N, C-alpha and C. Protein backbone atom coordinates (compact mmCIF):
# COMPACT_ATOMS: atom_id res chain seq x y z
N MET A 1 130.04 68.13 258.25
CA MET A 1 129.66 69.16 259.18
C MET A 1 130.84 69.51 260.08
N SER A 2 130.87 70.75 260.55
CA SER A 2 131.96 71.22 261.40
C SER A 2 131.49 71.42 262.84
N THR A 3 132.44 71.41 263.73
CA THR A 3 132.21 71.74 265.12
C THR A 3 132.86 73.08 265.39
N ILE A 4 132.22 73.93 266.16
CA ILE A 4 132.78 75.23 266.50
C ILE A 4 133.51 75.12 267.83
N ILE A 5 134.79 75.50 267.82
CA ILE A 5 135.62 75.50 269.02
C ILE A 5 135.75 76.95 269.48
N VAL A 6 135.50 77.19 270.76
CA VAL A 6 135.59 78.53 271.33
C VAL A 6 136.98 78.74 271.90
N ARG A 7 137.67 79.77 271.45
CA ARG A 7 139.04 80.07 271.88
C ARG A 7 139.09 81.31 272.79
N LEU A 8 137.98 81.60 273.44
CA LEU A 8 137.89 82.78 274.29
C LEU A 8 138.91 82.74 275.42
N ASP A 9 139.10 81.58 276.04
CA ASP A 9 140.06 81.46 277.13
C ASP A 9 141.48 81.77 276.67
N VAL A 10 141.81 81.35 275.45
CA VAL A 10 143.15 81.62 274.90
C VAL A 10 143.34 83.12 274.70
N MET A 11 142.34 83.79 274.12
CA MET A 11 142.45 85.22 273.87
C MET A 11 142.50 85.99 275.19
N MET A 12 141.73 85.55 276.17
CA MET A 12 141.77 86.22 277.48
C MET A 12 143.15 86.09 278.11
N ALA A 13 143.76 84.92 277.99
CA ALA A 13 145.11 84.72 278.53
C ALA A 13 146.12 85.60 277.81
N MET A 14 145.98 85.69 276.49
CA MET A 14 146.90 86.52 275.71
C MET A 14 146.78 88.00 276.09
N ARG A 15 145.56 88.42 276.42
CA ARG A 15 145.31 89.82 276.78
C ARG A 15 145.45 90.07 278.28
N LYS A 16 145.74 88.97 279.03
CA LYS A 16 145.92 89.05 280.48
C LYS A 16 144.72 89.71 281.17
N ILE A 17 143.54 89.21 280.84
CA ILE A 17 142.32 89.72 281.44
C ILE A 17 141.59 88.59 282.16
N LYS A 18 141.11 88.88 283.34
CA LYS A 18 140.39 87.89 284.15
C LYS A 18 138.92 87.84 283.74
N GLY A 19 138.29 86.71 284.02
CA GLY A 19 136.88 86.54 283.68
C GLY A 19 135.98 87.58 284.30
N LYS A 20 136.22 87.88 285.57
CA LYS A 20 135.39 88.87 286.27
C LYS A 20 135.48 90.23 285.58
N GLU A 21 136.68 90.63 285.21
CA GLU A 21 136.89 91.92 284.55
C GLU A 21 136.21 91.97 283.19
N LEU A 22 136.36 90.91 282.40
CA LEU A 22 135.74 90.88 281.07
C LEU A 22 134.22 90.87 281.19
N ALA A 23 133.70 90.07 282.12
CA ALA A 23 132.25 89.99 282.32
C ALA A 23 131.69 91.38 282.65
N GLU A 24 132.37 92.11 283.52
CA GLU A 24 131.93 93.46 283.87
C GLU A 24 131.96 94.39 282.66
N GLN A 25 133.02 94.30 281.88
CA GLN A 25 133.17 95.17 280.71
C GLN A 25 132.08 94.96 279.67
N ILE A 26 131.68 93.70 279.49
CA ILE A 26 130.71 93.42 278.42
C ILE A 26 129.28 93.28 278.93
N GLY A 27 129.10 93.33 280.26
CA GLY A 27 127.76 93.35 280.81
C GLY A 27 127.06 92.01 280.89
N ILE A 28 127.83 90.93 281.15
CA ILE A 28 127.21 89.62 281.38
C ILE A 28 127.75 89.07 282.69
N THR A 29 127.11 88.02 283.19
CA THR A 29 127.57 87.43 284.45
C THR A 29 128.82 86.58 284.20
N GLU A 30 129.58 86.39 285.27
CA GLU A 30 130.76 85.52 285.17
C GLU A 30 130.35 84.10 284.80
N GLN A 31 129.18 83.68 285.29
CA GLN A 31 128.69 82.34 284.97
C GLN A 31 128.43 82.19 283.48
N ASN A 32 127.78 83.20 282.88
CA ASN A 32 127.52 83.15 281.44
C ASN A 32 128.82 83.21 280.64
N LEU A 33 129.77 83.99 281.11
CA LEU A 33 131.08 84.05 280.44
C LEU A 33 131.76 82.69 280.51
N SER A 34 131.66 82.04 281.65
CA SER A 34 132.24 80.71 281.82
C SER A 34 131.61 79.71 280.86
N LEU A 35 130.29 79.80 280.70
CA LEU A 35 129.60 78.91 279.75
C LEU A 35 130.08 79.18 278.32
N LEU A 36 130.28 80.44 277.98
CA LEU A 36 130.80 80.78 276.65
C LEU A 36 132.20 80.20 276.46
N LYS A 37 133.06 80.38 277.47
CA LYS A 37 134.44 79.89 277.37
C LYS A 37 134.48 78.38 277.19
N SER A 38 133.58 77.68 277.84
CA SER A 38 133.59 76.22 277.77
C SER A 38 132.90 75.69 276.52
N GLY A 39 132.24 76.58 275.77
CA GLY A 39 131.55 76.15 274.57
C GLY A 39 130.22 75.45 274.86
N LYS A 40 129.71 75.60 276.07
CA LYS A 40 128.48 74.92 276.46
C LYS A 40 127.24 75.77 276.18
N VAL A 41 127.29 76.56 275.14
CA VAL A 41 126.14 77.37 274.74
C VAL A 41 125.78 76.99 273.30
N LYS A 42 124.55 77.19 272.96
CA LYS A 42 124.09 76.86 271.61
C LYS A 42 124.22 78.04 270.66
N GLY A 43 124.42 79.23 271.22
CA GLY A 43 124.53 80.42 270.38
C GLY A 43 125.05 81.59 271.18
N ILE A 44 125.36 82.65 270.47
CA ILE A 44 125.82 83.89 271.09
C ILE A 44 125.24 85.04 270.29
N ARG A 45 124.78 86.05 270.97
CA ARG A 45 124.25 87.24 270.29
C ARG A 45 125.41 87.98 269.63
N PHE A 46 125.15 88.50 268.45
CA PHE A 46 126.18 89.28 267.76
C PHE A 46 126.60 90.48 268.62
N GLU A 47 125.66 91.05 269.34
CA GLU A 47 125.96 92.20 270.21
C GLU A 47 126.98 91.80 271.27
N THR A 48 126.79 90.63 271.87
CA THR A 48 127.73 90.15 272.89
C THR A 48 129.07 89.84 272.27
N LEU A 49 129.07 89.21 271.11
CA LEU A 49 130.32 88.91 270.41
C LEU A 49 131.07 90.19 270.08
N ALA A 50 130.36 91.21 269.63
CA ALA A 50 130.98 92.50 269.31
C ALA A 50 131.59 93.13 270.55
N LYS A 51 130.91 93.03 271.69
CA LYS A 51 131.44 93.60 272.93
C LYS A 51 132.70 92.86 273.37
N ILE A 52 132.70 91.54 273.23
CA ILE A 52 133.88 90.76 273.58
C ILE A 52 135.05 91.15 272.69
N CYS A 53 134.78 91.25 271.39
CA CYS A 53 135.84 91.63 270.45
C CYS A 53 136.39 93.02 270.76
N ALA A 54 135.51 93.96 271.12
CA ALA A 54 135.96 95.31 271.45
C ALA A 54 136.82 95.29 272.72
N ALA A 55 136.37 94.55 273.72
CA ALA A 55 137.10 94.49 275.00
C ALA A 55 138.46 93.81 274.84
N LEU A 56 138.54 92.81 273.97
CA LEU A 56 139.79 92.07 273.79
C LEU A 56 140.59 92.54 272.58
N ASP A 57 140.08 93.54 271.86
CA ASP A 57 140.73 94.07 270.67
C ASP A 57 141.09 92.93 269.71
N CYS A 58 140.04 92.20 269.29
CA CYS A 58 140.25 91.07 268.40
C CYS A 58 139.09 90.96 267.42
N GLN A 59 139.15 89.98 266.57
CA GLN A 59 138.11 89.70 265.58
C GLN A 59 137.38 88.42 265.99
N PRO A 60 136.12 88.24 265.52
CA PRO A 60 135.39 87.01 265.85
C PRO A 60 136.18 85.74 265.51
N GLY A 61 136.92 85.77 264.43
CA GLY A 61 137.70 84.60 264.03
C GLY A 61 138.82 84.26 265.00
N ASP A 62 139.20 85.23 265.85
CA ASP A 62 140.20 84.95 266.88
C ASP A 62 139.60 84.16 268.03
N LEU A 63 138.27 84.21 268.15
CA LEU A 63 137.57 83.58 269.26
C LEU A 63 136.90 82.26 268.90
N LEU A 64 136.55 82.11 267.62
CA LEU A 64 135.81 80.94 267.17
C LEU A 64 136.54 80.26 266.03
N GLU A 65 136.56 78.93 266.06
CA GLU A 65 137.22 78.15 265.01
C GLU A 65 136.32 76.99 264.60
N ALA A 66 136.12 76.82 263.32
CA ALA A 66 135.35 75.69 262.81
C ALA A 66 136.32 74.57 262.47
N VAL A 67 136.08 73.40 263.06
CA VAL A 67 136.91 72.24 262.77
C VAL A 67 136.01 71.12 262.25
N PRO A 68 136.50 70.37 261.28
CA PRO A 68 135.68 69.28 260.74
C PRO A 68 135.30 68.28 261.82
N SER A 69 134.08 67.84 261.77
CA SER A 69 133.59 66.84 262.71
C SER A 69 134.22 65.50 262.39
N GLU A 70 134.56 64.75 263.44
CA GLU A 70 135.15 63.42 263.24
C GLU A 70 134.08 62.39 262.95
N ASP A 71 132.83 62.72 263.27
CA ASP A 71 131.73 61.79 263.05
C ASP A 71 131.19 62.01 261.64
N PRO A 72 131.36 61.05 260.72
CA PRO A 72 130.90 61.24 259.35
C PRO A 72 129.39 61.37 259.23
N LYS A 73 128.65 60.97 260.26
CA LYS A 73 127.20 61.09 260.23
C LYS A 73 126.71 62.45 260.72
N ALA A 74 127.63 63.24 261.32
CA ALA A 74 127.24 64.54 261.89
C ALA A 74 127.04 65.59 260.83
C-alpha cells in the first residue's frame, strides 16, 4: 500500500503565493487550506483540486505523490 504525500506547500512556494491569497482564489478557508497542506485530510473534492491546479497552473501530480508505505502490514 502507498501513502499519499501532499506537495501543495512546495508548489505554493514555487509560485510565490501565500496561503491567504490561494484560499481566497479557490474559495476555501485558510484553515482548510492549511489542513490540505499538512496532509491532515482524508480526501479532497475534485472540484477543489481543479481550482488549486488552475490557480497554481499545475497538474494534480505536481501536488500529490504516492510513496510506498514502510509498514508491510499497511
